[in-house]
PDB file of N, CA and C in Angstrom:
ATOM      1  N   MET A   1       2.301  36.402  32.250  1.00  0.00           N
ATOM      2  CA  MET A   1       2.587  36.948  33.534  1.00  0.00           C
ATOM      3  C   MET A   1       3.746  36.144  34.116  1.00  0.00           C
ATOM      4  N   VAL A   2       4.709  36.840  34.653  1.00  0.00           N
ATOM      5  CA  VAL A   2       5.858  36.182  35.256  1.00  0.00           C
ATOM      6  C   VAL A   2       5.928  36.565  36.725  1.00  0.00           C
ATOM      7  N   ILE A   3       5.938  35.561  37.557  1.00  0.00           N
ATOM      8  CA  ILE A   3       6.104  35.766  38.993  1.00  0.00           C
ATOM      9  C   ILE A   3       7.557  35.453  39.308  1.00  0.00           C
ATOM     10  N   THR A   4       8.272  36.437  39.792  1.00  0.00           N
ATOM     11  CA  THR A   4       9.686  36.264  40.069  1.00  0.00           C
ATOM     12  C   THR A   4       9.925  35.949  41.539  1.00  0.00           C
ATOM     13  N   LYS A   5      11.153  35.627  41.850  1.00  0.00           N
ATOM     14  CA  LYS A   5      11.589  35.296  43.205  1.00  0.00           C
ATOM     15  C   LYS A   5      10.826  34.097  43.768  1.00  0.00           C
ATOM     16  N   SER A   6      10.510  33.168  42.879  1.00  0.00           N
ATOM     17  CA  SER A   6       9.743  31.999  43.314  1.00  0.00           C
ATOM     18  C   SER A   6      10.527  31.126  44.289  1.00  0.00           C
ATOM     19  N   ASP A   7      11.833  31.310  44.350  1.00  0.00           N
ATOM     20  CA  ASP A   7      12.636  30.546  45.298  1.00  0.00           C
ATOM     21  C   ASP A   7      12.377  30.973  46.746  1.00  0.00           C
ATOM     22  N   LEU A   8      11.740  32.125  46.935  1.00  0.00           N
ATOM     23  CA  LEU A   8      11.468  32.630  48.281  1.00  0.00           C
ATOM     24  C   LEU A   8      10.096  32.220  48.807  1.00  0.00           C
ATOM     25  N   THR A   9       9.346  31.463  48.009  1.00  0.00           N
ATOM     26  CA  THR A   9       8.005  31.027  48.426  1.00  0.00           C
ATOM     27  C   THR A   9       7.891  29.517  48.320  1.00  0.00           C
ATOM     28  N   ASN A  10       6.866  28.995  48.965  1.00  0.00           N
ATOM     29  CA  ASN A  10       6.625  27.558  48.829  1.00  0.00           C
ATOM     30  C   ASN A  10       5.528  27.331  47.793  1.00  0.00           C
ATOM     31  N   LEU A  11       5.274  26.089  47.464  1.00  0.00           N
ATOM     32  CA  LEU A  11       4.317  25.737  46.416  1.00  0.00           C
ATOM     33  C   LEU A  11       2.914  26.240  46.740  1.00  0.00           C
ATOM     34  N   GLU A  12       2.491  26.139  47.993  1.00  0.00           N
ATOM     35  CA  GLU A  12       1.149  26.592  48.381  1.00  0.00           C
ATOM     36  C   GLU A  12       0.990  28.101  48.155  1.00  0.00           C
ATOM     37  N   GLN A  13       2.007  28.881  48.510  1.00  0.00           N
ATOM     38  CA  GLN A  13       1.944  30.333  48.309  1.00  0.00           C
ATOM     39  C   GLN A  13       1.896  30.660  46.814  1.00  0.00           C
ATOM     40  N   GLN A  14       2.650  29.922  46.030  1.00  0.00           N
ATOM     41  CA  GLN A  14       2.649  30.148  44.587  1.00  0.00           C
ATOM     42  C   GLN A  14       1.285  29.842  43.982  1.00  0.00           C
ATOM     43  N   GLN A  15       0.667  28.766  44.433  1.00  0.00           N
ATOM     44  CA  GLN A  15      -0.652  28.391  43.920  1.00  0.00           C
ATOM     45  C   GLN A  15      -1.714  29.414  44.316  1.00  0.00           C
ATOM     46  N   GLN A  16      -1.645  29.927  45.539  1.00  0.00           N
ATOM     47  CA  GLN A  16      -2.600  30.959  45.977  1.00  0.00           C
ATOM     48  C   GLN A  16      -2.450  32.221  45.140  1.00  0.00           C
ATOM     49  N   LEU A  17      -1.211  32.648  44.937  1.00  0.00           N
ATOM     50  CA  LEU A  17      -0.964  33.846  44.140  1.00  0.00           C
ATOM     51  C   LEU A  17      -1.413  33.641  42.698  1.00  0.00           C
ATOM     52  N   GLU A  18      -1.141  32.476  42.153  1.00  0.00           N
ATOM     53  CA  GLU A  18      -1.557  32.188  40.779  1.00  0.00           C
ATOM     54  C   GLU A  18      -3.076  32.220  40.640  1.00  0.00           C
ATOM     55  N   ALA A  19      -3.788  31.690  41.629  1.00  0.00           N
ATOM     56  CA  ALA A  19      -5.255  31.719  41.597  1.00  0.00           C
ATOM     57  C   ALA A  19      -5.766  33.154  41.645  1.00  0.00           C
ATOM     58  N   GLN A  20      -5.171  33.986  42.493  1.00  0.00           N
ATOM     59  CA  GLN A  20      -5.584  35.390  42.586  1.00  0.00           C
ATOM     60  C   GLN A  20      -5.304  36.133  41.281  1.00  0.00           C
ATOM     61  N   LEU A  21      -4.131  35.914  40.737  1.00  0.00           N
ATOM     62  CA  LEU A  21      -3.781  36.585  39.481  1.00  0.00           C
ATOM     63  C   LEU A  21      -4.662  36.123  38.326  1.00  0.00           C
ATOM     64  N   THR A  22      -4.951  34.837  38.273  1.00  0.00           N
ATOM     65  CA  THR A  22      -5.815  34.308  37.217  1.00  0.00           C
ATOM     66  C   THR A  22      -7.189  34.963  37.280  1.00  0.00           C
ATOM     67  N   GLN A  23      -7.718  35.109  38.490  1.00  0.00           N
ATOM     68  CA  GLN A  23      -9.023  35.753  38.650  1.00  0.00           C
ATOM     69  C   GLN A  23      -8.971  37.210  38.185  1.00  0.00           C
ATOM     70  N   LEU A  24      -7.934  37.943  38.571  1.00  0.00           N
ATOM     71  CA  LEU A  24      -7.802  39.336  38.147  1.00  0.00           C
ATOM     72  C   LEU A  24      -7.644  39.452  36.631  1.00  0.00           C
ATOM     73  N   LEU A  25      -6.868  38.556  36.051  1.00  0.00           N
ATOM     74  CA  LEU A  25      -6.665  38.594  34.603  1.00  0.00           C
ATOM     75  C   LEU A  25      -7.949  38.258  33.849  1.00  0.00           C
ATOM     76  N   PHE A  26      -8.731  37.318  34.356  1.00  0.00           N
ATOM     77  CA  PHE A  26     -10.026  37.002  33.743  1.00  0.00           C
ATOM     78  C   PHE A  26     -10.940  38.227  33.760  1.00  0.00           C
ATOM     79  N   GLN A  27     -10.921  38.962  34.865  1.00  0.00           N
ATOM     80  CA  GLN A  27     -11.752  40.164  34.983  1.00  0.00           C
ATOM     81  C   GLN A  27     -11.338  41.225  33.967  1.00  0.00           C
ATOM     82  N   GLN A  28     -10.076  41.204  33.556  1.00  0.00           N
ATOM     83  CA  GLN A  28      -9.579  42.171  32.578  1.00  0.00           C
ATOM     84  C   GLN A  28      -9.681  41.664  31.143  1.00  0.00           C
ATOM     85  N   GLY A  29     -10.262  40.472  30.959  1.00  0.00           N
ATOM     86  CA  GLY A  29     -10.496  39.974  29.611  1.00  0.00           C
ATOM     87  C   GLY A  29      -9.492  38.956  29.103  1.00  0.00           C
ATOM     88  N   PHE A  30      -8.553  38.558  29.917  1.00  0.00           N
ATOM     89  CA  PHE A  30      -7.593  37.538  29.499  1.00  0.00           C
ATOM     90  C   PHE A  30      -8.204  36.170  29.768  1.00  0.00           C
ATOM     91  N   THR A  31      -8.546  35.455  28.704  1.00  0.00           N
ATOM     92  CA  THR A  31      -9.270  34.195  28.869  1.00  0.00           C
ATOM     93  C   THR A  31      -8.359  33.016  29.171  1.00  0.00           C
ATOM     94  N   GLU A  32      -7.140  33.064  28.678  1.00  0.00           N
ATOM     95  CA  GLU A  32      -6.200  31.965  28.922  1.00  0.00           C
ATOM     96  C   GLU A  32      -4.848  32.525  29.356  1.00  0.00           C
ATOM     97  N   PRO A  33      -4.782  33.075  30.555  1.00  0.00           N
ATOM     98  CA  PRO A  33      -3.501  33.678  30.971  1.00  0.00           C
ATOM     99  C   PRO A  33      -2.430  32.621  31.212  1.00  0.00           C
ATOM    100  N   LYS A  34      -1.237  32.938  30.793  1.00  0.00           N
ATOM    101  CA  LYS A  34      -0.074  32.091  31.051  1.00  0.00           C
ATOM    102  C   LYS A  34       0.672  32.714  32.220  1.00  0.00           C
ATOM    103  N   ILE A  35       0.896  31.933  33.249  1.00  0.00           N
ATOM    104  CA  ILE A  35       1.614  32.418  34.424  1.00  0.00           C
ATOM    105  C   ILE A  35       2.847  31.552  34.621  1.00  0.00           C
ATOM    106  N   PHE A  36       3.987  32.210  34.689  1.00  0.00           N
ATOM    107  CA  PHE A  36       5.258  31.523  34.857  1.00  0.00           C
ATOM    108  C   PHE A  36       5.862  31.901  36.203  1.00  0.00           C
ATOM    109  N   HIS A  37       6.399  30.914  36.900  1.00  0.00           N
ATOM    110  CA  HIS A  37       7.116  31.133  38.155  1.00  0.00           C
ATOM    111  C   HIS A  37       8.597  30.998  37.852  1.00  0.00           C
ATOM    112  N   CYS A  38       9.368  32.051  38.136  1.00  0.00           N
ATOM    113  CA  CYS A  38      10.787  32.039  37.818  1.00  0.00           C
ATOM    114  C   CYS A  38      11.615  32.508  39.009  1.00  0.00           C
ATOM    115  N   SER A  39      12.845  32.056  39.027  1.00  0.00           N
ATOM    116  CA  SER A  39      13.812  32.506  40.018  1.00  0.00           C
ATOM    117  C   SER A  39      15.122  32.789  39.305  1.00  0.00           C
ATOM    118  N   ALA A  40      15.546  34.037  39.349  1.00  0.00           N
ATOM    119  CA  ALA A  40      16.836  34.385  38.761  1.00  0.00           C
ATOM    120  C   ALA A  40      17.969  33.793  39.601  1.00  0.00           C
ATOM    121  N   PHE A  41      17.713  33.621  40.884  1.00  0.00           N
ATOM    122  CA  PHE A  41      18.729  33.097  41.792  1.00  0.00           C
ATOM    123  C   PHE A  41      19.042  31.625  41.505  1.00  0.00           C
ATOM    124  N   THR A  42      17.986  30.812  41.381  1.00  0.00           N
ATOM    125  CA  THR A  42      18.187  29.379  41.150  1.00  0.00           C
ATOM    126  C   THR A  42      18.086  29.006  39.672  1.00  0.00           C
ATOM    127  N   GLY A  43      17.492  29.870  38.872  1.00  0.00           N
ATOM    128  CA  GLY A  43      17.306  29.580  37.454  1.00  0.00           C
ATOM    129  C   GLY A  43      16.050  28.773  37.162  1.00  0.00           C
ATOM    130  N   ASP A  44      15.302  28.418  38.205  1.00  0.00           N
ATOM    131  CA  ASP A  44      14.070  27.646  38.008  1.00  0.00           C
ATOM    132  C   ASP A  44      13.073  28.433  37.176  1.00  0.00           C
ATOM    133  N   GLY A  45      12.500  27.779  36.181  1.00  0.00           N
ATOM    134  CA  GLY A  45      11.451  28.370  35.357  1.00  0.00           C
ATOM    135  C   GLY A  45      11.941  29.240  34.225  1.00  0.00           C
ATOM    136  N   VAL A  46      13.210  29.610  34.236  1.00  0.00           N
ATOM    137  CA  VAL A  46      13.730  30.513  33.212  1.00  0.00           C
ATOM    138  C   VAL A  46      13.722  29.845  31.836  1.00  0.00           C
ATOM    139  N   ASP A  47      14.099  28.573  31.783  1.00  0.00           N
ATOM    140  CA  ASP A  47      14.118  27.860  30.489  1.00  0.00           C
ATOM    141  C   ASP A  47      12.718  27.726  29.903  1.00  0.00           C
ATOM    142  N   VAL A  48      11.734  27.474  30.755  1.00  0.00           N
ATOM    143  CA  VAL A  48      10.344  27.350  30.287  1.00  0.00           C
ATOM    144  C   VAL A  48       9.859  28.688  29.750  1.00  0.00           C
ATOM    145  N   LEU A  49      10.155  29.767  30.470  1.00  0.00           N
ATOM    146  CA  LEU A  49       9.766  31.103  30.028  1.00  0.00           C
ATOM    147  C   LEU A  49      10.462  31.457  28.710  1.00  0.00           C
ATOM    148  N   LYS A  50      11.737  31.163  28.620  1.00  0.00           N
ATOM    149  CA  LYS A  50      12.489  31.457  27.399  1.00  0.00           C
ATOM    150  C   LYS A  50      11.903  30.714  26.209  1.00  0.00           C
ATOM    151  N   ALA A  51      11.590  29.444  26.387  1.00  0.00           N
ATOM    152  CA  ALA A  51      11.003  28.655  25.300  1.00  0.00           C
ATOM    153  C   ALA A  51       9.651  29.225  24.880  1.00  0.00           C
ATOM    154  N   HIS A  52       8.860  29.674  25.840  1.00  0.00           N
ATOM    155  CA  HIS A  52       7.553  30.264  25.530  1.00  0.00           C
ATOM    156  C   HIS A  52       7.723  31.557  24.728  1.00  0.00           C
ATOM    157  N   LEU A  53       8.654  32.409  25.131  1.00  0.00           N
ATOM    158  CA  LEU A  53       8.871  33.670  24.423  1.00  0.00           C
ATOM    159  C   LEU A  53       9.387  33.436  23.006  1.00  0.00           C
ATOM    160  N   ILE A  54      10.252  32.454  22.843  1.00  0.00           N
ATOM    161  CA  ILE A  54      10.745  32.124  21.505  1.00  0.00           C
ATOM    162  C   ILE A  54       9.604  31.624  20.624  1.00  0.00           C
ATOM    163  N   ALA A  55       8.740  30.784  21.195  1.00  0.00           N
ATOM    164  CA  ALA A  55       7.585  30.283  20.439  1.00  0.00           C
ATOM    165  C   ALA A  55       6.658  31.425  20.034  1.00  0.00           C
ATOM    166  N   LEU A  56       6.444  32.394  20.922  1.00  0.00           N
ATOM    167  CA  LEU A  56       5.607  33.551  20.591  1.00  0.00           C
ATOM    168  C   LEU A  56       6.224  34.358  19.453  1.00  0.00           C
ATOM    169  N   ALA A  57       7.524  34.573  19.525  1.00  0.00           N
ATOM    170  CA  ALA A  57       8.208  35.334  18.473  1.00  0.00           C
ATOM    171  C   ALA A  57       8.139  34.600  17.145  1.00  0.00           C
ATOM    172  N   ASP A  58       8.337  33.295  17.162  1.00  0.00           N
ATOM    173  CA  ASP A  58       8.253  32.506  15.929  1.00  0.00           C
ATOM    174  C   ASP A  58       6.851  32.551  15.346  1.00  0.00           C
ATOM    175  N   ASN A  59       5.846  32.480  16.204  1.00  0.00           N
ATOM    176  CA  ASN A  59       4.460  32.540  15.754  1.00  0.00           C
ATOM    177  C   ASN A  59       4.152  33.904  15.136  1.00  0.00           C
ATOM    178  N   GLU A  60       4.634  34.960  15.754  1.00  0.00           N
ATOM    179  CA  GLU A  60       4.418  36.314  15.228  1.00  0.00           C
ATOM    180  C   GLU A  60       5.104  36.472  13.874  1.00  0.00           C
ATOM    181  N   LYS A  61       6.315  35.954  13.764  1.00  0.00           N
ATOM    182  CA  LYS A  61       7.054  36.034  12.501  1.00  0.00           C
ATOM    183  C   LYS A  61       6.311  35.268  11.403  1.00  0.00           C
ATOM    184  N   GLN A  62       5.775  34.102  11.736  1.00  0.00           N
ATOM    185  CA  GLN A  62       5.037  33.303  10.757  1.00  0.00           C
ATOM    186  C   GLN A  62       3.772  34.030  10.304  1.00  0.00           C
ATOM    187  N   GLN A  63       3.071  34.667  11.247  1.00  0.00           N
ATOM    188  CA  GLN A  63       1.863  35.410  10.888  1.00  0.00           C
ATOM    189  C   GLN A  63       2.199  36.569   9.965  1.00  0.00           C
ATOM    190  N   GLN A  64       3.306  37.247  10.219  1.00  0.00           N
ATOM    191  CA  GLN A  64       3.710  38.350   9.350  1.00  0.00           C
ATOM    192  C   GLN A  64       4.071  37.843   7.965  1.00  0.00           C
ATOM    193  N   ASN A  65       4.731  36.688   7.899  1.00  0.00           N
ATOM    194  CA  ASN A  65       5.081  36.110   6.600  1.00  0.00           C
ATOM    195  C   ASN A  65       3.825  35.702   5.834  1.00  0.00           C
ATOM    196  N   ASP A  66       2.821  35.205   6.534  1.00  0.00           N
ATOM    197  CA  ASP A  66       1.579  34.794   5.889  1.00  0.00           C
ATOM    198  C   ASP A  66       0.826  35.980   5.307  1.00  0.00           C
ATOM    199  N   LEU A  67       0.985  37.153   5.912  1.00  0.00           N
ATOM    200  CA  LEU A  67       0.292  38.345   5.425  1.00  0.00           C
ATOM    201  C   LEU A  67       0.969  38.946   4.204  1.00  0.00           C
ATOM    202  N   GLY A  68       2.206  38.614   3.987  1.00  0.00           N
ATOM    203  CA  GLY A  68       2.943  39.188   2.869  1.00  0.00           C
ATOM    204  C   GLY A  68       3.582  40.507   3.266  1.00  0.00           C
ATOM    205  N   PHE A  69       4.109  41.188   2.276  1.00  0.00           N
ATOM    206  CA  PHE A  69       4.824  42.436   2.514  1.00  0.00           C
ATOM    207  C   PHE A  69       3.872  43.524   2.996  1.00  0.00           C
ATOM    208  N   ARG A  70       4.306  44.249   4.000  1.00  0.00           N
ATOM    209  CA  ARG A  70       3.549  45.394   4.495  1.00  0.00           C
ATOM    210  C   ARG A  70       4.494  46.561   4.638  1.00  0.00           C
ATOM    211  N   LEU A  71       4.146  47.664   4.043  1.00  0.00           N
ATOM    212  CA  LEU A  71       4.960  48.865   4.119  1.00  0.00           C
ATOM    213  C   LEU A  71       4.462  49.711   5.288  1.00  0.00           C
ATOM    214  N   ALA A  72       5.343  49.997   6.203  1.00  0.00           N
ATOM    215  CA  ALA A  72       4.967  50.827   7.340  1.00  0.00           C
ATOM    216  C   ALA A  72       4.900  52.284   6.896  1.00  0.00           C
ATOM    217  N   ILE A  73       3.805  52.932   7.188  1.00  0.00           N
ATOM    218  CA  ILE A  73       3.621  54.340   6.843  1.00  0.00           C
ATOM    219  C   ILE A  73       3.600  55.124   8.139  1.00  0.00           C
ATOM    220  N   ASP A  74       4.538  56.060   8.261  1.00  0.00           N
ATOM    221  CA  ASP A  74       4.612  56.804   9.500  1.00  0.00           C
ATOM    222  C   ASP A  74       3.985  58.194   9.412  1.00  0.00           C
ATOM    223  N   SER A  75       3.632  58.627   8.196  1.00  0.00           N
ATOM    224  CA  SER A  75       2.943  59.907   8.059  1.00  0.00           C
ATOM    225  C   SER A  75       2.195  59.943   6.727  1.00  0.00           C
ATOM    226  N   ALA A  76       1.241  60.836   6.653  1.00  0.00           N
ATOM    227  CA  ALA A  76       0.462  60.995   5.429  1.00  0.00           C
ATOM    228  C   ALA A  76       0.189  62.482   5.239  1.00  0.00           C
ATOM    229  N   PHE A  77      -0.011  62.882   4.006  1.00  0.00           N
ATOM    230  CA  PHE A  77      -0.320  64.276   3.739  1.00  0.00           C
ATOM    231  C   PHE A  77      -1.248  64.361   2.547  1.00  0.00           C
ATOM    232  N   HIS A  78      -1.894  65.497   2.405  1.00  0.00           N
ATOM    233  CA  HIS A  78      -2.869  65.708   1.340  1.00  0.00           C
ATOM    234  C   HIS A  78      -2.282  66.676   0.320  1.00  0.00           C
ATOM    235  N   VAL A  79      -2.430  66.325  -0.935  1.00  0.00           N
ATOM    236  CA  VAL A  79      -1.989  67.190  -2.026  1.00  0.00           C
ATOM    237  C   VAL A  79      -3.204  67.472  -2.896  1.00  0.00           C
ATOM    238  N   SER A  80      -3.473  68.743  -3.122  1.00  0.00           N
ATOM    239  CA  SER A  80      -4.627  69.086  -3.951  1.00  0.00           C
ATOM    240  C   SER A  80      -4.309  68.837  -5.419  1.00  0.00           C
ATOM    241  N   ALA A  81      -5.352  68.732  -6.231  1.00  0.00           N
ATOM    242  CA  ALA A  81      -5.189  68.468  -7.662  1.00  0.00           C
ATOM    243  C   ALA A  81      -4.414  69.586  -8.341  1.00  0.00           C
ATOM    244  N   GLN A  82      -4.550  70.793  -7.856  1.00  0.00           N
ATOM    245  CA  GLN A  82      -3.852  71.926  -8.456  1.00  0.00           C
ATOM    246  C   GLN A  82      -2.342  71.771  -8.334  1.00  0.00           C
ATOM    247  N   ASP A  83      -1.891  71.161  -7.292  1.00  0.00           N
ATOM    248  CA  ASP A  83      -0.457  70.983  -7.079  1.00  0.00           C
ATOM    249  C   ASP A  83       0.147  69.963  -8.030  1.00  0.00           C
ATOM    250  N   TRP A  84      -0.673  69.133  -8.633  1.00  0.00           N
ATOM    251  CA  TRP A  84      -0.169  68.072  -9.494  1.00  0.00           C
ATOM    252  C   TRP A  84       0.080  68.538 -10.931  1.00  0.00           C
ATOM    253  N   PHE A  85      -0.562  69.585 -11.353  1.00  0.00           N
ATOM    254  CA  PHE A  85      -0.461  70.012 -12.739  1.00  0.00           C
ATOM    255  C   PHE A  85       0.371  71.280 -12.871  1.00  0.00           C
ATOM    256  N   TYR A  86       1.213  71.284 -13.878  1.00  0.00           N
ATOM    257  CA  TYR A  86       2.022  72.464 -14.152  1.00  0.00           C
ATOM    258  C   TYR A  86       1.232  73.343 -15.124  1.00  0.00           C
ATOM    259  N   LYS A  87       1.039  74.570 -14.735  1.00  0.00           N
ATOM    260  CA  LYS A  87       0.290  75.495 -15.588  1.00  0.00           C
ATOM    261  C   LYS A  87       1.296  76.346 -16.394  1.00  0.00           C
ATOM    262  N   LYS A  88       1.167  76.280 -17.694  1.00  0.00           N
ATOM    263  CA  LYS A  88       2.040  77.064 -18.548  1.00  0.00           C
ATOM    264  C   LYS A  88       1.226  78.186 -19.164  1.00  0.00           C
ATOM    265  N   GLU A  89       1.715  79.374 -18.940  1.00  0.00           N
ATOM    266  CA  GLU A  89       1.025  80.518 -19.518  1.00  0.00           C
ATOM    267  C   GLU A  89       1.625  80.850 -20.866  1.00  0.00           C
ATOM    268  N   ILE A  90       0.745  81.122 -21.809  1.00  0.00           N
ATOM    269  CA  ILE A  90       1.202  81.446 -23.175  1.00  0.00           C
ATOM    270  C   ILE A  90       1.022  82.906 -23.444  1.00  0.00           C
TER     271      ILE A  90
END
């Protein structure tokens, strides 16, 4: 979860909002929510968020490598046994 415009609030407001969001996220099944406070204006928190996203991407890439090759299948169809054999009439 990313809370933006953190430069427009003080620390107490940020902590209150984080507590409310944490409670809502727990109710939705998120046991360890990560909450980031960022400001595009001042740049505060952007580096921490960027590092976290890079770590997530690296972790996902490593998990995919550990699973080995996976072929993505976007459709499937059924072919009957009759379609597989060529019938030659004599």
